N, C-alpha and C. Protein backbone atom coordinates (compact mmCIF):
# COMPACT_ATOMS: atom_id res chain seq x y z
N PRO A 1 5.67 18.95 10.11
CA PRO A 1 5.57 18.87 8.67
C PRO A 1 5.28 20.23 8.07
N THR A 2 5.84 20.45 6.97
CA THR A 2 5.63 21.72 6.30
C THR A 2 4.39 21.65 5.42
N PRO A 3 3.81 22.81 5.14
CA PRO A 3 2.67 22.81 4.21
C PRO A 3 3.07 22.24 2.85
N THR A 4 4.33 22.39 2.49
CA THR A 4 4.81 21.87 1.21
C THR A 4 4.68 20.35 1.18
N LEU A 5 5.04 19.69 2.27
CA LEU A 5 4.93 18.24 2.34
C LEU A 5 3.47 17.81 2.23
N ALA A 6 2.59 18.50 2.91
CA ALA A 6 1.17 18.17 2.84
C ALA A 6 0.64 18.35 1.42
N ARG A 7 1.06 19.43 0.75
CA ARG A 7 0.62 19.65 -0.64
C ARG A 7 1.17 18.57 -1.56
N LEU A 8 2.44 18.19 -1.36
CA LEU A 8 3.05 17.13 -2.17
C LEU A 8 2.27 15.83 -2.00
N LEU A 9 1.99 15.46 -0.77
CA LEU A 9 1.25 14.23 -0.51
C LEU A 9 -0.15 14.27 -1.12
N ALA A 10 -0.82 15.39 -0.97
CA ALA A 10 -2.16 15.53 -1.55
C ALA A 10 -2.12 15.36 -3.07
N ALA A 11 -1.13 15.95 -3.71
CA ALA A 11 -1.00 15.82 -5.16
C ALA A 11 -0.69 14.38 -5.57
N LEU A 12 0.19 13.73 -4.81
CA LEU A 12 0.52 12.33 -5.11
C LEU A 12 -0.69 11.42 -4.93
N VAL A 13 -1.43 11.64 -3.87
CA VAL A 13 -2.60 10.80 -3.61
C VAL A 13 -3.64 10.97 -4.71
N GLU A 14 -3.82 12.18 -5.20
CA GLU A 14 -4.74 12.41 -6.33
C GLU A 14 -4.30 11.61 -7.55
N ARG A 15 -3.01 11.58 -7.79
CA ARG A 15 -2.49 10.82 -8.93
C ARG A 15 -2.59 9.32 -8.71
N VAL A 16 -2.42 8.88 -7.46
CA VAL A 16 -2.58 7.46 -7.15
C VAL A 16 -4.03 7.05 -7.42
N GLU A 17 -4.97 7.92 -7.09
CA GLU A 17 -6.39 7.63 -7.37
C GLU A 17 -6.63 7.42 -8.85
N ARG A 18 -5.85 8.10 -9.68
CA ARG A 18 -5.95 7.94 -11.14
C ARG A 18 -5.08 6.79 -11.64
N ASN A 19 -4.49 6.06 -10.70
CA ASN A 19 -3.66 4.89 -11.00
C ASN A 19 -2.42 5.24 -11.82
N GLU A 20 -1.82 6.40 -11.52
CA GLU A 20 -0.59 6.81 -12.21
C GLU A 20 0.59 6.11 -11.54
N GLU A 21 1.22 5.25 -12.30
CA GLU A 21 2.25 4.36 -11.77
C GLU A 21 3.41 5.11 -11.12
N GLU A 22 3.88 6.17 -11.73
CA GLU A 22 5.02 6.91 -11.17
C GLU A 22 4.69 7.48 -9.79
N ALA A 23 3.48 7.99 -9.64
CA ALA A 23 3.07 8.56 -8.35
C ALA A 23 2.99 7.47 -7.28
N ILE A 24 2.52 6.30 -7.66
CA ILE A 24 2.42 5.19 -6.72
C ILE A 24 3.81 4.82 -6.21
N TYR A 25 4.76 4.67 -7.11
CA TYR A 25 6.11 4.29 -6.69
C TYR A 25 6.80 5.41 -5.90
N PHE A 26 6.60 6.65 -6.31
CA PHE A 26 7.21 7.77 -5.59
C PHE A 26 6.66 7.86 -4.17
N LEU A 27 5.36 7.70 -4.03
CA LEU A 27 4.74 7.75 -2.72
C LEU A 27 5.27 6.63 -1.83
N THR A 28 5.43 5.45 -2.40
CA THR A 28 5.98 4.33 -1.64
C THR A 28 7.40 4.62 -1.19
N LEU A 29 8.18 5.26 -2.04
CA LEU A 29 9.55 5.62 -1.66
C LEU A 29 9.58 6.61 -0.50
N LEU A 30 8.63 7.53 -0.46
CA LEU A 30 8.56 8.48 0.64
C LEU A 30 8.43 7.75 1.99
N PHE A 31 7.66 6.69 2.01
CA PHE A 31 7.45 5.95 3.25
C PHE A 31 8.72 5.26 3.73
N GLU A 32 9.68 5.07 2.86
CA GLU A 32 10.94 4.46 3.25
C GLU A 32 11.94 5.47 3.79
N ALA A 33 11.66 6.75 3.62
CA ALA A 33 12.57 7.81 4.08
C ALA A 33 12.56 7.92 5.60
N ASP A 34 13.73 8.27 6.15
CA ASP A 34 13.84 8.45 7.59
C ASP A 34 12.85 9.49 8.08
N ASP A 35 12.19 9.22 9.16
CA ASP A 35 11.27 10.12 9.85
C ASP A 35 10.00 10.45 9.06
N PHE A 36 9.81 9.90 7.87
CA PHE A 36 8.61 10.25 7.11
C PHE A 36 7.35 9.79 7.82
N VAL A 37 7.34 8.56 8.33
CA VAL A 37 6.14 8.04 8.97
C VAL A 37 5.77 8.90 10.18
N LYS A 38 6.77 9.34 10.95
CA LYS A 38 6.48 10.20 12.10
C LYS A 38 5.81 11.49 11.65
N ARG A 39 6.27 12.05 10.56
CA ARG A 39 5.64 13.27 10.03
C ARG A 39 4.25 12.97 9.49
N PHE A 40 4.13 11.85 8.81
CA PHE A 40 2.87 11.47 8.19
C PHE A 40 1.76 11.27 9.22
N VAL A 41 2.09 10.70 10.37
CA VAL A 41 1.05 10.42 11.38
C VAL A 41 0.85 11.57 12.36
N SER A 42 1.57 12.67 12.18
CA SER A 42 1.42 13.81 13.07
C SER A 42 0.06 14.48 12.89
N GLU A 43 -0.36 15.24 13.88
CA GLU A 43 -1.65 15.93 13.85
C GLU A 43 -1.80 16.84 12.63
N GLU A 44 -0.73 17.51 12.26
CA GLU A 44 -0.79 18.47 11.15
C GLU A 44 -1.16 17.81 9.82
N MET A 45 -0.91 16.52 9.71
CA MET A 45 -1.15 15.82 8.45
C MET A 45 -2.49 15.08 8.45
N GLY A 46 -3.34 15.36 9.42
CA GLY A 46 -4.58 14.62 9.61
C GLY A 46 -5.42 14.41 8.37
N SER A 47 -5.78 15.48 7.68
CA SER A 47 -6.67 15.32 6.53
C SER A 47 -5.96 14.63 5.37
N VAL A 48 -4.69 14.93 5.17
CA VAL A 48 -3.93 14.28 4.10
C VAL A 48 -3.75 12.80 4.43
N ARG A 49 -3.48 12.50 5.69
CA ARG A 49 -3.30 11.11 6.11
C ARG A 49 -4.59 10.33 5.90
N ARG A 50 -5.71 10.92 6.30
CA ARG A 50 -7.01 10.26 6.13
C ARG A 50 -7.27 9.95 4.66
N LYS A 51 -7.08 10.94 3.81
CA LYS A 51 -7.30 10.75 2.37
C LYS A 51 -6.34 9.69 1.82
N SER A 52 -5.08 9.73 2.26
CA SER A 52 -4.09 8.77 1.78
C SER A 52 -4.50 7.35 2.12
N PHE A 53 -4.84 7.13 3.39
CA PHE A 53 -5.20 5.78 3.81
C PHE A 53 -6.51 5.33 3.16
N ASP A 54 -7.45 6.24 2.96
CA ASP A 54 -8.68 5.87 2.26
C ASP A 54 -8.35 5.37 0.85
N VAL A 55 -7.46 6.07 0.17
CA VAL A 55 -7.05 5.66 -1.19
C VAL A 55 -6.28 4.35 -1.14
N PHE A 56 -5.36 4.21 -0.19
CA PHE A 56 -4.57 2.97 -0.08
C PHE A 56 -5.49 1.77 0.13
N PHE A 57 -6.39 1.88 1.11
CA PHE A 57 -7.25 0.74 1.42
C PHE A 57 -8.22 0.44 0.28
N ALA A 58 -8.73 1.46 -0.39
CA ALA A 58 -9.62 1.23 -1.54
C ALA A 58 -8.87 0.52 -2.67
N ALA A 59 -7.64 0.95 -2.92
CA ALA A 59 -6.85 0.32 -3.98
C ALA A 59 -6.52 -1.12 -3.63
N LEU A 60 -6.14 -1.37 -2.39
CA LEU A 60 -5.81 -2.75 -1.99
C LEU A 60 -7.05 -3.64 -1.99
N THR A 61 -8.20 -3.09 -1.64
CA THR A 61 -9.44 -3.86 -1.71
C THR A 61 -9.74 -4.23 -3.15
N GLN A 62 -9.54 -3.29 -4.06
CA GLN A 62 -9.75 -3.57 -5.48
C GLN A 62 -8.81 -4.67 -5.96
N VAL A 63 -7.54 -4.56 -5.59
CA VAL A 63 -6.55 -5.55 -6.03
C VAL A 63 -6.91 -6.94 -5.49
N LEU A 64 -7.25 -7.02 -4.22
CA LEU A 64 -7.54 -8.32 -3.61
C LEU A 64 -8.91 -8.87 -4.03
N THR A 65 -9.84 -8.00 -4.37
CA THR A 65 -11.15 -8.46 -4.83
C THR A 65 -11.06 -9.02 -6.24
N THR A 66 -10.40 -8.30 -7.11
CA THR A 66 -10.29 -8.73 -8.51
C THR A 66 -9.15 -9.71 -8.73
N LEU A 67 -8.24 -9.78 -7.76
CA LEU A 67 -7.01 -10.57 -7.87
C LEU A 67 -6.21 -10.19 -9.11
N ASP A 68 -6.29 -8.92 -9.46
CA ASP A 68 -5.49 -8.36 -10.54
C ASP A 68 -4.15 -7.94 -9.92
N ILE A 69 -3.30 -8.92 -9.70
CA ILE A 69 -2.08 -8.71 -8.94
C ILE A 69 -0.86 -8.62 -9.84
N SER A 70 -0.84 -9.40 -10.90
CA SER A 70 0.33 -9.42 -11.79
C SER A 70 0.58 -8.05 -12.38
N SER A 71 1.76 -7.55 -12.16
CA SER A 71 2.21 -6.27 -12.73
C SER A 71 1.29 -5.11 -12.37
N ASN A 72 0.62 -5.18 -11.25
CA ASN A 72 -0.27 -4.11 -10.83
C ASN A 72 0.48 -3.22 -9.84
N PRO A 73 0.74 -1.97 -10.20
CA PRO A 73 1.51 -1.10 -9.32
C PRO A 73 0.82 -0.81 -7.99
N LEU A 74 -0.50 -0.98 -7.92
CA LEU A 74 -1.22 -0.71 -6.68
C LEU A 74 -0.81 -1.66 -5.56
N VAL A 75 -0.27 -2.83 -5.91
CA VAL A 75 0.18 -3.78 -4.90
C VAL A 75 1.24 -3.16 -4.00
N VAL A 76 2.07 -2.28 -4.55
CA VAL A 76 3.15 -1.70 -3.74
C VAL A 76 2.63 -0.74 -2.68
N LEU A 77 1.37 -0.34 -2.74
CA LEU A 77 0.81 0.50 -1.68
C LEU A 77 0.82 -0.23 -0.35
N LEU A 78 0.83 -1.55 -0.43
CA LEU A 78 0.92 -2.32 0.80
C LEU A 78 2.25 -2.04 1.51
N GLU A 79 3.29 -1.72 0.74
CA GLU A 79 4.58 -1.38 1.34
C GLU A 79 4.45 -0.14 2.23
N ALA A 80 3.63 0.82 1.82
CA ALA A 80 3.42 2.02 2.64
C ALA A 80 2.76 1.65 3.96
N LEU A 81 1.81 0.72 3.92
CA LEU A 81 1.17 0.28 5.16
C LEU A 81 2.14 -0.48 6.05
N VAL A 82 2.97 -1.31 5.44
CA VAL A 82 3.96 -2.07 6.21
C VAL A 82 4.96 -1.11 6.85
N SER A 83 5.41 -0.11 6.09
CA SER A 83 6.34 0.89 6.64
C SER A 83 5.70 1.64 7.81
N THR A 84 4.43 1.98 7.67
CA THR A 84 3.72 2.69 8.73
C THR A 84 3.56 1.80 9.96
N GLY A 85 3.14 0.58 9.75
CA GLY A 85 2.94 -0.34 10.86
C GLY A 85 4.23 -0.78 11.52
N GLY A 86 5.35 -0.60 10.85
CA GLY A 86 6.64 -1.00 11.40
C GLY A 86 7.19 -0.04 12.43
N GLN A 87 6.56 1.10 12.60
CA GLN A 87 7.01 2.07 13.59
C GLN A 87 5.91 2.27 14.63
N ASP A 88 6.32 2.48 15.86
CA ASP A 88 5.36 2.59 16.96
C ASP A 88 4.27 3.63 16.68
N GLU A 89 4.69 4.81 16.24
CA GLU A 89 3.71 5.88 15.98
C GLU A 89 2.75 5.49 14.86
N GLY A 90 3.29 4.90 13.82
CA GLY A 90 2.47 4.48 12.69
C GLY A 90 1.51 3.36 13.06
N ARG A 91 2.01 2.39 13.81
CA ARG A 91 1.17 1.28 14.25
C ARG A 91 0.02 1.79 15.12
N ALA A 92 0.33 2.70 16.04
CA ALA A 92 -0.71 3.28 16.90
C ALA A 92 -1.75 4.01 16.06
N CYS A 93 -1.31 4.74 15.06
CA CYS A 93 -2.23 5.47 14.18
C CYS A 93 -3.13 4.49 13.42
N LEU A 94 -2.53 3.47 12.82
CA LEU A 94 -3.32 2.49 12.07
C LEU A 94 -4.35 1.80 12.96
N LEU A 95 -3.93 1.40 14.13
CA LEU A 95 -4.83 0.66 15.01
C LEU A 95 -5.92 1.54 15.62
N SER A 96 -5.62 2.80 15.88
CA SER A 96 -6.63 3.65 16.48
C SER A 96 -7.56 4.29 15.46
N ASP A 97 -7.03 4.70 14.33
CA ASP A 97 -7.84 5.45 13.36
C ASP A 97 -8.29 4.65 12.15
N PHE A 98 -7.61 3.55 11.85
CA PHE A 98 -7.89 2.83 10.60
C PHE A 98 -8.05 1.33 10.83
N SER A 99 -8.47 0.94 12.04
CA SER A 99 -8.56 -0.49 12.35
C SER A 99 -9.58 -1.22 11.47
N LYS A 100 -10.71 -0.58 11.19
CA LYS A 100 -11.74 -1.25 10.39
C LYS A 100 -11.25 -1.55 8.97
N PRO A 101 -10.72 -0.56 8.21
CA PRO A 101 -10.24 -0.91 6.87
C PRO A 101 -9.02 -1.84 6.91
N LEU A 102 -8.21 -1.73 7.96
CA LEU A 102 -7.06 -2.62 8.09
C LEU A 102 -7.52 -4.06 8.28
N ILE A 103 -8.48 -4.27 9.16
CA ILE A 103 -9.00 -5.61 9.40
C ILE A 103 -9.72 -6.14 8.16
N SER A 104 -10.44 -5.28 7.46
CA SER A 104 -11.12 -5.70 6.23
C SER A 104 -10.11 -6.14 5.17
N THR A 105 -9.02 -5.40 5.05
CA THR A 105 -7.98 -5.76 4.08
C THR A 105 -7.33 -7.10 4.45
N ILE A 106 -7.05 -7.29 5.72
CA ILE A 106 -6.46 -8.55 6.17
C ILE A 106 -7.44 -9.70 5.95
N ALA A 107 -8.72 -9.48 6.25
CA ALA A 107 -9.73 -10.52 6.04
C ALA A 107 -9.85 -10.89 4.57
N LEU A 108 -9.81 -9.90 3.71
CA LEU A 108 -9.89 -10.16 2.27
C LEU A 108 -8.67 -10.94 1.81
N PHE A 109 -7.50 -10.60 2.33
CA PHE A 109 -6.28 -11.35 2.00
C PHE A 109 -6.42 -12.80 2.45
N VAL A 110 -6.90 -13.02 3.66
CA VAL A 110 -7.06 -14.38 4.18
C VAL A 110 -8.05 -15.16 3.30
N ALA A 111 -9.14 -14.51 2.90
CA ALA A 111 -10.13 -15.17 2.05
C ALA A 111 -9.55 -15.56 0.69
N ARG A 112 -8.61 -14.77 0.21
CA ARG A 112 -8.00 -15.02 -1.10
C ARG A 112 -6.66 -15.75 -1.01
N PHE A 113 -6.26 -16.11 0.20
CA PHE A 113 -4.92 -16.66 0.42
C PHE A 113 -4.63 -17.88 -0.45
N GLN A 114 -5.57 -18.81 -0.53
CA GLN A 114 -5.33 -20.05 -1.29
C GLN A 114 -4.96 -19.73 -2.74
N HIS A 115 -5.72 -18.86 -3.37
CA HIS A 115 -5.43 -18.50 -4.77
C HIS A 115 -4.08 -17.79 -4.89
N ILE A 116 -3.84 -16.85 -4.00
CA ILE A 116 -2.59 -16.09 -4.04
C ILE A 116 -1.40 -17.03 -3.83
N ALA A 117 -1.50 -17.92 -2.86
CA ALA A 117 -0.41 -18.87 -2.58
C ALA A 117 -0.18 -19.80 -3.76
N GLU A 118 -1.25 -20.27 -4.40
CA GLU A 118 -1.10 -21.14 -5.57
C GLU A 118 -0.40 -20.41 -6.71
N GLN A 119 -0.79 -19.17 -6.96
CA GLN A 119 -0.17 -18.40 -8.03
C GLN A 119 1.30 -18.11 -7.73
N ALA A 120 1.60 -17.82 -6.47
CA ALA A 120 3.00 -17.58 -6.08
C ALA A 120 3.83 -18.83 -6.28
N ALA A 121 3.26 -19.98 -5.96
CA ALA A 121 3.99 -21.25 -6.13
C ALA A 121 4.25 -21.55 -7.61
N LEU A 122 3.32 -21.12 -8.46
CA LEU A 122 3.48 -21.33 -9.90
C LEU A 122 4.42 -20.31 -10.55
N GLY A 123 4.74 -19.26 -9.81
CA GLY A 123 5.63 -18.23 -10.35
C GLY A 123 4.95 -17.26 -11.27
N HIS A 124 3.63 -17.13 -11.14
CA HIS A 124 2.90 -16.17 -11.97
C HIS A 124 3.13 -14.77 -11.43
N GLY A 125 2.83 -13.80 -12.27
CA GLY A 125 2.90 -12.42 -11.81
C GLY A 125 3.98 -11.62 -12.50
N HIS A 126 4.60 -12.19 -13.54
CA HIS A 126 5.66 -11.46 -14.23
C HIS A 126 5.13 -10.58 -15.36
N GLY A 127 3.95 -10.85 -15.84
CA GLY A 127 3.44 -10.10 -16.99
C GLY A 127 3.96 -10.74 -18.26
N ASP A 128 3.26 -10.55 -19.34
CA ASP A 128 3.64 -11.16 -20.61
C ASP A 128 4.96 -10.62 -21.12
N GLY A 129 5.91 -11.52 -21.33
CA GLY A 129 7.18 -11.15 -21.92
C GLY A 129 8.11 -10.39 -21.01
N ALA A 130 7.70 -10.12 -19.79
CA ALA A 130 8.56 -9.37 -18.87
C ALA A 130 9.66 -10.28 -18.34
N PRO A 131 10.85 -9.74 -18.12
CA PRO A 131 11.91 -10.57 -17.56
C PRO A 131 11.56 -10.99 -16.14
N PRO A 132 12.07 -12.14 -15.71
CA PRO A 132 11.75 -12.59 -14.35
C PRO A 132 12.19 -11.57 -13.31
N GLN A 133 11.30 -11.28 -12.39
CA GLN A 133 11.54 -10.37 -11.28
C GLN A 133 10.87 -10.99 -10.08
N PRO A 134 11.05 -10.38 -8.90
CA PRO A 134 10.29 -10.92 -7.77
C PRO A 134 8.81 -10.94 -8.14
N ASP A 135 8.22 -12.09 -8.06
CA ASP A 135 6.85 -12.30 -8.46
C ASP A 135 5.89 -11.43 -7.65
N SER A 136 4.90 -10.85 -8.30
CA SER A 136 3.93 -9.99 -7.63
C SER A 136 3.18 -10.74 -6.54
N TYR A 137 2.85 -11.99 -6.81
CA TYR A 137 2.15 -12.79 -5.81
C TYR A 137 3.07 -13.08 -4.63
N GLN A 138 4.32 -13.42 -4.91
CA GLN A 138 5.27 -13.67 -3.83
C GLN A 138 5.51 -12.42 -3.01
N LYS A 139 5.60 -11.28 -3.69
CA LYS A 139 5.80 -10.00 -2.98
C LYS A 139 4.62 -9.71 -2.07
N LEU A 140 3.41 -9.93 -2.57
CA LEU A 140 2.21 -9.71 -1.78
C LEU A 140 2.22 -10.61 -0.54
N LEU A 141 2.55 -11.87 -0.73
CA LEU A 141 2.63 -12.78 0.42
C LEU A 141 3.66 -12.29 1.43
N GLY A 142 4.82 -11.90 0.95
CA GLY A 142 5.88 -11.43 1.83
C GLY A 142 5.48 -10.19 2.61
N LEU A 143 4.81 -9.26 1.98
CA LEU A 143 4.40 -8.04 2.65
C LEU A 143 3.35 -8.33 3.73
N PHE A 144 2.44 -9.25 3.44
CA PHE A 144 1.44 -9.56 4.46
C PHE A 144 2.06 -10.28 5.65
N PHE A 145 3.06 -11.12 5.36
CA PHE A 145 3.69 -11.82 6.48
C PHE A 145 4.64 -10.92 7.20
């Protein structure tokens, strides 16, 4: 990874902490790029990776604690975790370095599952006046599964 990539990620993570929607979506798109996860979990990205995952897990804990899921851009941070866990290197990194926050996030999801499943069944999560889209609750369920 280049220092430029590390600086880009650090800047994006700072903006994600401020809940800037564009940064959240851009960061999620990076995780879908070829070879990004391999670069992200490399030794050179250690401090940026740590900060990123700390922010991701804190945001997801907030979302699942408050159940502020409808139209909440922080929900898509789960996509970054799914992308990371979908690759051998990423899964190894998550399980070795971030197992505690990962298990806490999963436990919180399980504790809130009944409410989330009920809301998904009702089709909530579109936001007031927003056109129908994949429901935020349904998306959350799909990402966890």
